[in-house]
Amino acid sequence: MLGKEWLGRKINENFIRDLKNHNPSIDPCGENGEFHTFVTDGPLFKNKIKVMESEMVLRGGYWFLEISKFNVEKK
Protein backbone atom coordinates (compact mmCIF):
# COMPACT_ATOMS: atom_id res chain seq x y z
CA MET A 1 0.00 0.00 0.00
CA LEU A 2 1.17 3.50 -0.78
CA GLY A 3 1.14 6.14 1.94
CA LYS A 4 0.23 9.81 1.83
CA GLU A 5 3.77 10.77 0.79
CA TRP A 6 2.87 9.54 -2.72
CA LEU A 7 -0.07 11.93 -3.11
CA GLY A 8 0.35 14.72 -5.63
CA ARG A 9 3.55 13.37 -7.16
CA LYS A 10 4.19 13.67 -10.86
CA ILE A 11 4.67 10.39 -12.66
CA ASN A 12 8.19 10.67 -14.03
CA GLU A 13 11.48 8.77 -13.87
CA ASN A 14 11.89 9.56 -10.15
CA PHE A 15 8.38 8.27 -9.39
CA ILE A 16 9.02 5.00 -11.24
CA ARG A 17 12.40 4.52 -9.52
CA ASP A 18 10.92 5.22 -6.06
CA LEU A 19 7.96 2.95 -6.78
CA LYS A 20 10.25 0.05 -7.77
CA ASN A 21 12.35 0.62 -4.63
CA HIS A 22 9.22 0.74 -2.46
CA ASN A 23 7.72 -2.47 -3.86
CA PRO A 24 8.92 -4.06 -7.12
CA SER A 25 5.62 -5.96 -7.54
CA ILE A 26 3.62 -2.74 -8.06
CA ASP A 27 2.72 -2.13 -11.69
CA PRO A 28 4.29 1.25 -12.61
CA CYS A 29 1.14 2.11 -14.62
CA GLY A 30 -1.16 1.31 -11.68
CA GLU A 31 -3.04 -1.16 -13.92
CA ASN A 32 -3.82 -3.45 -10.98
CA GLY A 33 -5.45 -0.68 -8.96
CA GLU A 34 -2.37 0.12 -6.86
CA PHE A 35 -2.93 3.82 -7.41
CA HIS A 36 -5.08 6.22 -9.42
CA THR A 37 -4.07 9.27 -11.41
CA PHE A 38 -5.50 12.66 -12.27
CA VAL A 39 -4.13 14.20 -15.47
CA THR A 40 -3.75 17.99 -15.35
CA ASP A 41 -2.06 18.63 -18.70
CA GLY A 42 -1.05 16.85 -21.86
CA PRO A 43 -0.27 17.43 -25.53
CA LEU A 44 -3.89 16.79 -26.60
CA PHE A 45 -5.37 19.23 -24.04
CA LYS A 46 -6.43 22.73 -25.15
CA ASN A 47 -6.21 23.93 -21.53
CA LYS A 48 -4.47 22.77 -18.39
CA ILE A 49 -5.73 22.37 -14.85
CA LYS A 50 -3.84 24.01 -12.02
CA VAL A 51 -4.66 22.62 -8.57
CA MET A 52 -4.90 25.54 -6.15
CA GLU A 53 -6.07 23.83 -2.95
CA SER A 54 -6.14 20.20 -1.92
CA GLU A 55 -6.23 18.11 1.22
CA MET A 56 -4.85 14.67 2.04
CA VAL A 57 -7.67 12.53 3.39
CA LEU A 58 -7.53 9.01 4.86
CA ARG A 59 -10.74 7.12 4.06
CA GLY A 60 -11.26 3.40 4.55
CA GLY A 61 -7.54 2.84 5.03
CA TYR A 62 -6.64 4.55 1.73
CA TRP A 63 -5.20 8.01 1.12
CA PHE A 64 -6.91 10.42 -1.28
CA LEU A 65 -5.98 13.90 -2.46
CA GLU A 66 -9.25 15.82 -2.41
CA ILE A 67 -9.11 18.84 -4.69
CA SER A 68 -11.20 21.73 -3.39
CA LYS A 69 -10.03 24.52 -5.70
CA PHE A 70 -8.59 24.57 -9.21
CA ASN A 71 -8.18 26.86 -12.21
CA VAL A 72 -8.42 26.01 -15.89
CA GLU A 73 -5.68 27.84 -17.75
CA LYS A 74 -5.09 28.43 -21.43
CA LYS A 75 -1.84 27.05 -22.80
PDB file of N, CA and C in Angstrom:
ATOM      1  N   MET A   1       0.844  -1.183   0.000  1.00  0.00           N
ATOM      2  CA  MET A   1       0.000   0.000   0.000  1.00  0.00           C
ATOM      3  C   MET A   1       0.886   1.243   0.000  1.00  0.00           C
ATOM      4  N   LEU A   2       0.432   2.249  -0.708  1.00  0.00           N
ATOM      5  CA  LEU A   2       1.171   3.500  -0.782  1.00  0.00           C
ATOM      6  C   LEU A   2       0.632   4.478   0.251  1.00  0.00           C
ATOM      7  N   GLY A   3       1.528   5.183   0.920  1.00  0.00           N
ATOM      8  CA  GLY A   3       1.139   6.142   1.944  1.00  0.00           C
ATOM      9  C   GLY A   3       0.902   7.528   1.373  1.00  0.00           C
ATOM     10  N   LYS A   4       0.584   8.458   2.262  1.00  0.00           N
ATOM     11  CA  LYS A   4       0.234   9.811   1.828  1.00  0.00           C
ATOM     12  C   LYS A   4       1.394  10.556   1.178  1.00  0.00           C
ATOM     13  N   GLU A   5       2.625  10.099   1.407  1.00  0.00           N
ATOM     14  CA  GLU A   5       3.771  10.766   0.787  1.00  0.00           C
ATOM     15  C   GLU A   5       3.777  10.617  -0.740  1.00  0.00           C
ATOM     16  N   TRP A   6       2.958   9.741  -1.268  1.00  0.00           N
ATOM     17  CA  TRP A   6       2.872   9.539  -2.718  1.00  0.00           C
ATOM     18  C   TRP A   6       1.848  10.468  -3.361  1.00  0.00           C
ATOM     19  N   LEU A   7       0.983  11.070  -2.568  1.00  0.00           N
ATOM     20  CA  LEU A   7      -0.073  11.926  -3.113  1.00  0.00           C
ATOM     21  C   LEU A   7       0.500  13.171  -3.779  1.00  0.00           C
ATOM     22  N   GLY A   8      -0.025  13.507  -4.943  1.00  0.00           N
ATOM     23  CA  GLY A   8       0.348  14.720  -5.633  1.00  0.00           C
ATOM     24  C   GLY A   8       1.643  14.638  -6.419  1.00  0.00           C
ATOM     25  N   ARG A   9       2.278  13.496  -6.428  1.00  0.00           N
ATOM     26  CA  ARG A   9       3.545  13.368  -7.157  1.00  0.00           C
ATOM     27  C   ARG A   9       3.302  13.264  -8.652  1.00  0.00           C
ATOM     28  N   LYS A  10       4.217  13.832  -9.410  1.00  0.00           N
ATOM     29  CA  LYS A  10       4.194  13.671 -10.857  1.00  0.00           C
ATOM     30  C   LYS A  10       4.755  12.301 -11.200  1.00  0.00           C
ATOM     31  N   ILE A  11       4.156  11.673 -12.200  1.00  0.00           N
ATOM     32  CA  ILE A  11       4.671  10.391 -12.661  1.00  0.00           C
ATOM     33  C   ILE A  11       5.790  10.687 -13.657  1.00  0.00           C
ATOM     34  N   ASN A  12       6.999  10.433 -13.215  1.00  0.00           N
ATOM     35  CA  ASN A  12       8.187  10.666 -14.029  1.00  0.00           C
ATOM     36  C   ASN A  12       9.219   9.600 -13.674  1.00  0.00           C
ATOM     37  N   GLU A  13      10.442   9.776 -14.125  1.00  0.00           N
ATOM     38  CA  GLU A  13      11.477   8.770 -13.866  1.00  0.00           C
ATOM     39  C   GLU A  13      11.718   8.573 -12.370  1.00  0.00           C
ATOM     40  N   ASN A  14      11.689   9.661 -11.605  1.00  0.00           N
ATOM     41  CA  ASN A  14      11.889   9.557 -10.150  1.00  0.00           C
ATOM     42  C   ASN A  14      10.769   8.769  -9.488  1.00  0.00           C
ATOM     43  N   PHE A  15       9.537   9.004  -9.929  1.00  0.00           N
ATOM     44  CA  PHE A  15       8.384   8.274  -9.388  1.00  0.00           C
ATOM     45  C   PHE A  15       8.539   6.779  -9.638  1.00  0.00           C
ATOM     46  N   ILE A  16       8.873   6.422 -10.880  1.00  0.00           N
ATOM     47  CA  ILE A  16       9.021   5.003 -11.242  1.00  0.00           C
ATOM     48  C   ILE A  16      10.140   4.357 -10.429  1.00  0.00           C
ATOM     49  N   ARG A  17      11.279   5.042 -10.307  1.00  0.00           N
ATOM     50  CA  ARG A  17      12.401   4.518  -9.519  1.00  0.00           C
ATOM     51  C   ARG A  17      11.987   4.311  -8.059  1.00  0.00           C
ATOM     52  N   ASP A  18      11.344   5.317  -7.465  1.00  0.00           N
ATOM     53  CA  ASP A  18      10.919   5.220  -6.064  1.00  0.00           C
ATOM     54  C   ASP A  18       9.875   4.131  -5.873  1.00  0.00           C
ATOM     55  N   LEU A  19       8.995   3.984  -6.850  1.00  0.00           N
ATOM     56  CA  LEU A  19       7.965   2.950  -6.781  1.00  0.00           C
ATOM     57  C   LEU A  19       8.592   1.563  -6.797  1.00  0.00           C
ATOM     58  N   LYS A  20       9.563   1.351  -7.692  1.00  0.00           N
ATOM     59  CA  LYS A  20      10.252   0.053  -7.767  1.00  0.00           C
ATOM     60  C   LYS A  20      11.018  -0.234  -6.480  1.00  0.00           C
ATOM     61  N   ASN A  21      11.635   0.802  -5.895  1.00  0.00           N
ATOM     62  CA  ASN A  21      12.349   0.619  -4.626  1.00  0.00           C
ATOM     63  C   ASN A  21      11.393   0.330  -3.475  1.00  0.00           C
ATOM     64  N   HIS A  22      10.223   0.935  -3.515  1.00  0.00           N
ATOM     65  CA  HIS A  22       9.224   0.736  -2.460  1.00  0.00           C
ATOM     66  C   HIS A  22       8.656  -0.686  -2.495  1.00  0.00           C
ATOM     67  N   ASN A  23       8.291  -1.123  -3.710  1.00  0.00           N
ATOM     68  CA  ASN A  23       7.719  -2.466  -3.864  1.00  0.00           C
ATOM     69  C   ASN A  23       7.786  -2.854  -5.341  1.00  0.00           C
ATOM     70  N   PRO A  24       8.739  -3.701  -5.711  1.00  0.00           N
ATOM     71  CA  PRO A  24       8.915  -4.061  -7.119  1.00  0.00           C
ATOM     72  C   PRO A  24       7.720  -4.761  -7.750  1.00  0.00           C
ATOM     73  N   SER A  25       6.779  -5.261  -6.961  1.00  0.00           N
ATOM     74  CA  SER A  25       5.625  -5.957  -7.536  1.00  0.00           C
ATOM     75  C   SER A  25       4.516  -4.995  -7.984  1.00  0.00           C
ATOM     76  N   ILE A  26       4.629  -3.713  -7.644  1.00  0.00           N
ATOM     77  CA  ILE A  26       3.618  -2.736  -8.057  1.00  0.00           C
ATOM     78  C   ILE A  26       3.796  -2.417  -9.538  1.00  0.00           C
ATOM     79  N   ASP A  27       2.702  -2.484 -10.274  1.00  0.00           N
ATOM     80  CA  ASP A  27       2.718  -2.134 -11.695  1.00  0.00           C
ATOM     81  C   ASP A  27       2.950  -0.625 -11.807  1.00  0.00           C
ATOM     82  N   PRO A  28       3.991  -0.180 -12.528  1.00  0.00           N
ATOM     83  CA  PRO A  28       4.285   1.253 -12.611  1.00  0.00           C
ATOM     84  C   PRO A  28       3.195   2.079 -13.304  1.00  0.00           C
ATOM     85  N   CYS A  29       2.272   1.410 -13.994  1.00  0.00           N
ATOM     86  CA  CYS A  29       1.144   2.106 -14.615  1.00  0.00           C
ATOM     87  C   CYS A  29      -0.085   2.101 -13.712  1.00  0.00           C
ATOM     88  N   GLY A  30      -0.024   1.397 -12.592  1.00  0.00           N
ATOM     89  CA  GLY A  30      -1.164   1.312 -11.684  1.00  0.00           C
ATOM     90  C   GLY A  30      -2.300   0.480 -12.249  1.00  0.00           C
ATOM     91  N   GLU A  31      -2.006  -0.378 -13.228  1.00  0.00           N
ATOM     92  CA  GLU A  31      -3.041  -1.156 -13.916  1.00  0.00           C
ATOM     93  C   GLU A  31      -3.768  -2.156 -13.019  1.00  0.00           C
ATOM     94  N   ASN A  32      -3.184  -2.496 -11.900  1.00  0.00           N
ATOM     95  CA  ASN A  32      -3.822  -3.450 -10.984  1.00  0.00           C
ATOM     96  C   ASN A  32      -4.505  -2.743  -9.819  1.00  0.00           C
ATOM     97  N   GLY A  33      -4.748  -1.443  -9.969  1.00  0.00           N
ATOM     98  CA  GLY A  33      -5.452  -0.677  -8.956  1.00  0.00           C
ATOM     99  C   GLY A  33      -4.584  -0.220  -7.793  1.00  0.00           C
ATOM    100  N   GLU A  34      -3.263  -0.287  -7.952  1.00  0.00           N
ATOM    101  CA  GLU A  34      -2.373   0.116  -6.861  1.00  0.00           C
ATOM    102  C   GLU A  34      -2.477   1.601  -6.557  1.00  0.00           C
ATOM    103  N   PHE A  35      -2.762   2.392  -7.584  1.00  0.00           N
ATOM    104  CA  PHE A  35      -2.935   3.823  -7.412  1.00  0.00           C
ATOM    105  C   PHE A  35      -3.777   4.361  -8.567  1.00  0.00           C
ATOM    106  N   HIS A  36      -4.292   5.562  -8.385  1.00  0.00           N
ATOM    107  CA  HIS A  36      -5.080   6.222  -9.417  1.00  0.00           C
ATOM    108  C   HIS A  36      -4.420   7.548  -9.759  1.00  0.00           C
ATOM    109  N   THR A  37      -4.699   8.042 -10.950  1.00  0.00           N
ATOM    110  CA  THR A  37      -4.070   9.274 -11.406  1.00  0.00           C
ATOM    111  C   THR A  37      -5.125  10.305 -11.769  1.00  0.00           C
ATOM    112  N   PHE A  38      -4.678  11.542 -11.812  1.00  0.00           N
ATOM    113  CA  PHE A  38      -5.496  12.662 -12.275  1.00  0.00           C
ATOM    114  C   PHE A  38      -4.606  13.477 -13.202  1.00  0.00           C
ATOM    115  N   VAL A  39      -4.959  13.538 -14.471  1.00  0.00           N
ATOM    116  CA  VAL A  39      -4.131  14.203 -15.469  1.00  0.00           C
ATOM    117  C   VAL A  39      -4.508  15.681 -15.523  1.00  0.00           C
ATOM    118  N   THR A  40      -3.511  16.554 -15.363  1.00  0.00           N
ATOM    119  CA  THR A  40      -3.752  17.994 -15.354  1.00  0.00           C
ATOM    120  C   THR A  40      -3.338  18.684 -16.645  1.00  0.00           C
ATOM    121  N   ASP A  41      -2.527  18.026 -17.462  1.00  0.00           N
ATOM    122  CA  ASP A  41      -2.059  18.628 -18.702  1.00  0.00           C
ATOM    123  C   ASP A  41      -1.539  17.530 -19.621  1.00  0.00           C
ATOM    124  N   GLY A  42      -1.561  17.803 -20.885  1.00  0.00           N
ATOM    125  CA  GLY A  42      -1.049  16.853 -21.861  1.00  0.00           C
ATOM    126  C   GLY A  42      -1.082  17.466 -23.242  1.00  0.00           C
ATOM    127  N   PRO A  43      -0.380  16.861 -24.188  1.00  0.00           N
ATOM    128  CA  PRO A  43      -0.274  17.432 -25.533  1.00  0.00           C
ATOM    129  C   PRO A  43      -1.619  17.547 -26.271  1.00  0.00           C
ATOM    130  N   LEU A  44      -2.589  16.735 -25.927  1.00  0.00           N
ATOM    131  CA  LEU A  44      -3.889  16.789 -26.596  1.00  0.00           C
ATOM    132  C   LEU A  44      -4.860  17.768 -25.938  1.00  0.00           C
ATOM    133  N   PHE A  45      -4.485  18.328 -24.786  1.00  0.00           N
ATOM    134  CA  PHE A  45      -5.365  19.234 -24.044  1.00  0.00           C
ATOM    135  C   PHE A  45      -5.269  20.652 -24.609  1.00  0.00           C
ATOM    136  N   LYS A  46      -6.405  21.322 -24.745  1.00  0.00           N
ATOM    137  CA  LYS A  46      -6.427  22.731 -25.150  1.00  0.00           C
ATOM    138  C   LYS A  46      -6.084  23.628 -23.958  1.00  0.00           C
ATOM    139  N   ASN A  47      -6.458  23.194 -22.776  1.00  0.00           N
ATOM    140  CA  ASN A  47      -6.213  23.930 -21.532  1.00  0.00           C
ATOM    141  C   ASN A  47      -5.529  23.008 -20.543  1.00  0.00           C
ATOM    142  N   LYS A  48      -5.047  23.584 -19.458  1.00  0.00           N
ATOM    143  CA  LYS A  48      -4.475  22.766 -18.391  1.00  0.00           C
ATOM    144  C   LYS A  48      -5.166  23.111 -17.080  1.00  0.00           C
ATOM    145  N   ILE A  49      -5.122  22.184 -16.160  1.00  0.00           N
ATOM    146  CA  ILE A  49      -5.735  22.366 -14.849  1.00  0.00           C
ATOM    147  C   ILE A  49      -4.633  22.635 -13.840  1.00  0.00           C
ATOM    148  N   LYS A  50      -4.788  23.687 -13.088  1.00  0.00           N
ATOM    149  CA  LYS A  50      -3.843  24.012 -12.025  1.00  0.00           C
ATOM    150  C   LYS A  50      -4.561  23.818 -10.695  1.00  0.00           C
ATOM    151  N   VAL A  51      -4.067  22.889  -9.890  1.00  0.00           N
ATOM    152  CA  VAL A  51      -4.661  22.624  -8.574  1.00  0.00           C
ATOM    153  C   VAL A  51      -4.218  23.723  -7.629  1.00  0.00           C
ATOM    154  N   MET A  52      -5.186  24.416  -7.042  1.00  0.00           N
ATOM    155  CA  MET A  52      -4.901  25.543  -6.147  1.00  0.00           C
ATOM    156  C   MET A  52      -4.955  25.129  -4.675  1.00  0.00           C
ATOM    157  N   GLU A  53      -5.926  24.295  -4.331  1.00  0.00           N
ATOM    158  CA  GLU A  53      -6.074  23.833  -2.954  1.00  0.00           C
ATOM    159  C   GLU A  53      -6.457  22.360  -2.955  1.00  0.00           C
ATOM    160  N   SER A  54      -5.817  21.617  -2.070  1.00  0.00           N
ATOM    161  CA  SER A  54      -6.139  20.199  -1.921  1.00  0.00           C
ATOM    162  C   SER A  54      -5.853  19.778  -0.487  1.00  0.00           C
ATOM    163  N   GLU A  55      -6.406  18.639  -0.131  1.00  0.00           N
ATOM    164  CA  GLU A  55      -6.228  18.114   1.222  1.00  0.00           C
ATOM    165  C   GLU A  55      -6.028  16.603   1.157  1.00  0.00           C
ATOM    166  N   MET A  56      -5.073  16.110   1.935  1.00  0.00           N
ATOM    167  CA  MET A  56      -4.850  14.665   2.040  1.00  0.00           C
ATOM    168  C   MET A  56      -5.855  14.100   3.028  1.00  0.00           C
ATOM    169  N   VAL A  57      -6.607  13.088   2.578  1.00  0.00           N
ATOM    170  CA  VAL A  57      -7.675  12.525   3.394  1.00  0.00           C
ATOM    171  C   VAL A  57      -7.504  11.013   3.462  1.00  0.00           C
ATOM    172  N   LEU A  58      -7.575  10.453   4.663  1.00  0.00           N
ATOM    173  CA  LEU A  58      -7.533   9.006   4.859  1.00  0.00           C
ATOM    174  C   LEU A  58      -8.971   8.515   4.991  1.00  0.00           C
ATOM    175  N   ARG A  59      -9.372   7.628   4.071  1.00  0.00           N
ATOM    176  CA  ARG A  59     -10.735   7.122   4.061  1.00  0.00           C
ATOM    177  C   ARG A  59     -10.711   5.623   3.798  1.00  0.00           C
ATOM    178  N   GLY A  60     -11.211   4.846   4.728  1.00  0.00           N
ATOM    179  CA  GLY A  60     -11.264   3.400   4.551  1.00  0.00           C
ATOM    180  C   GLY A  60      -9.895   2.764   4.431  1.00  0.00           C
ATOM    181  N   GLY A  61      -8.891   3.376   5.074  1.00  0.00           N
ATOM    182  CA  GLY A  61      -7.537   2.836   5.031  1.00  0.00           C
ATOM    183  C   GLY A  61      -6.737   3.244   3.805  1.00  0.00           C
ATOM    184  N   TYR A  62      -7.316   4.096   2.940  1.00  0.00           N
ATOM    185  CA  TYR A  62      -6.642   4.547   1.727  1.00  0.00           C
ATOM    186  C   TYR A  62      -6.533   6.071   1.733  1.00  0.00           C
ATOM    187  N   TRP A  63      -5.419   6.571   1.203  1.00  0.00           N
ATOM    188  CA  TRP A  63      -5.202   8.007   1.118  1.00  0.00           C
ATOM    189  C   TRP A  63      -5.724   8.554  -0.199  1.00  0.00           C
ATOM    190  N   PHE A  64      -6.382   9.712  -0.121  1.00  0.00           N
ATOM    191  CA  PHE A  64      -6.905  10.420  -1.282  1.00  0.00           C
ATOM    192  C   PHE A  64      -6.431  11.864  -1.225  1.00  0.00           C
ATOM    193  N   LEU A  65      -6.263  12.482  -2.376  1.00  0.00           N
ATOM    194  CA  LEU A  65      -5.981  13.904  -2.457  1.00  0.00           C
ATOM    195  C   LEU A  65      -7.263  14.563  -2.955  1.00  0.00           C
ATOM    196  N   GLU A  66      -7.990  15.177  -2.038  1.00  0.00           N
ATOM    197  CA  GLU A  66      -9.246  15.823  -2.405  1.00  0.00           C
ATOM    198  C   GLU A  66      -8.954  17.239  -2.871  1.00  0.00           C
ATOM    199  N   ILE A  67      -9.337  17.524  -4.092  1.00  0.00           N
ATOM    200  CA  ILE A  67      -9.115  18.839  -4.693  1.00  0.00           C
ATOM    201  C   ILE A  67     -10.334  19.703  -4.401  1.00  0.00           C
ATOM    202  N   SER A  68     -10.090  20.835  -3.741  1.00  0.00           N
ATOM    203  CA  SER A  68     -11.197  21.733  -3.394  1.00  0.00           C
ATOM    204  C   SER A  68     -11.218  23.004  -4.246  1.00  0.00           C
ATOM    205  N   LYS A  69     -10.081  23.331  -4.880  1.00  0.00           N
ATOM    206  CA  LYS A  69     -10.034  24.524  -5.695  1.00  0.00           C
ATOM    207  C   LYS A  69      -9.036  24.311  -6.834  1.00  0.00           C
ATOM    208  N   PHE A  70      -9.463  24.693  -8.043  1.00  0.00           N
ATOM    209  CA  PHE A  70      -8.591  24.575  -9.207  1.00  0.00           C
ATOM    210  C   PHE A  70      -8.907  25.685 -10.203  1.00  0.00           C
ATOM    211  N   ASN A  71      -7.986  25.925 -11.098  1.00  0.00           N
ATOM    212  CA  ASN A  71      -8.185  26.860 -12.211  1.00  0.00           C
ATOM    213  C   ASN A  71      -7.921  26.130 -13.514  1.00  0.00           C
ATOM    214  N   VAL A  72      -8.681  26.499 -14.532  1.00  0.00           N
ATOM    215  CA  VAL A  72      -8.423  26.010 -15.891  1.00  0.00           C
ATOM    216  C   VAL A  72      -7.694  27.136 -16.601  1.00  0.00           C
ATOM    217  N   GLU A  73      -6.522  26.824 -17.131  1.00  0.00           N
ATOM    218  CA  GLU A  73      -5.675  27.844 -17.748  1.00  0.00           C
ATOM    219  C   GLU A  73      -5.434  27.530 -19.212  1.00  0.00           C
ATOM    220  N   LYS A  74      -5.430  28.573 -20.022  1.00  0.00           N
ATOM    221  CA  LYS A  74      -5.094  28.432 -21.433  1.00  0.00           C
ATOM    222  C   LYS A  74      -3.614  28.120 -21.550  1.00  0.00           C
ATOM    223  N   LYS A  75      -3.268  27.361 -22.560  1.00  0.00           N
ATOM    224  CA  LYS A  75      -1.843  27.054 -22.801  1.00  0.00           C
ATOM    225  C   LYS A  75      -1.219  28.145 -23.632  1.00  0.00           C
TER     226      LYS A  75
END
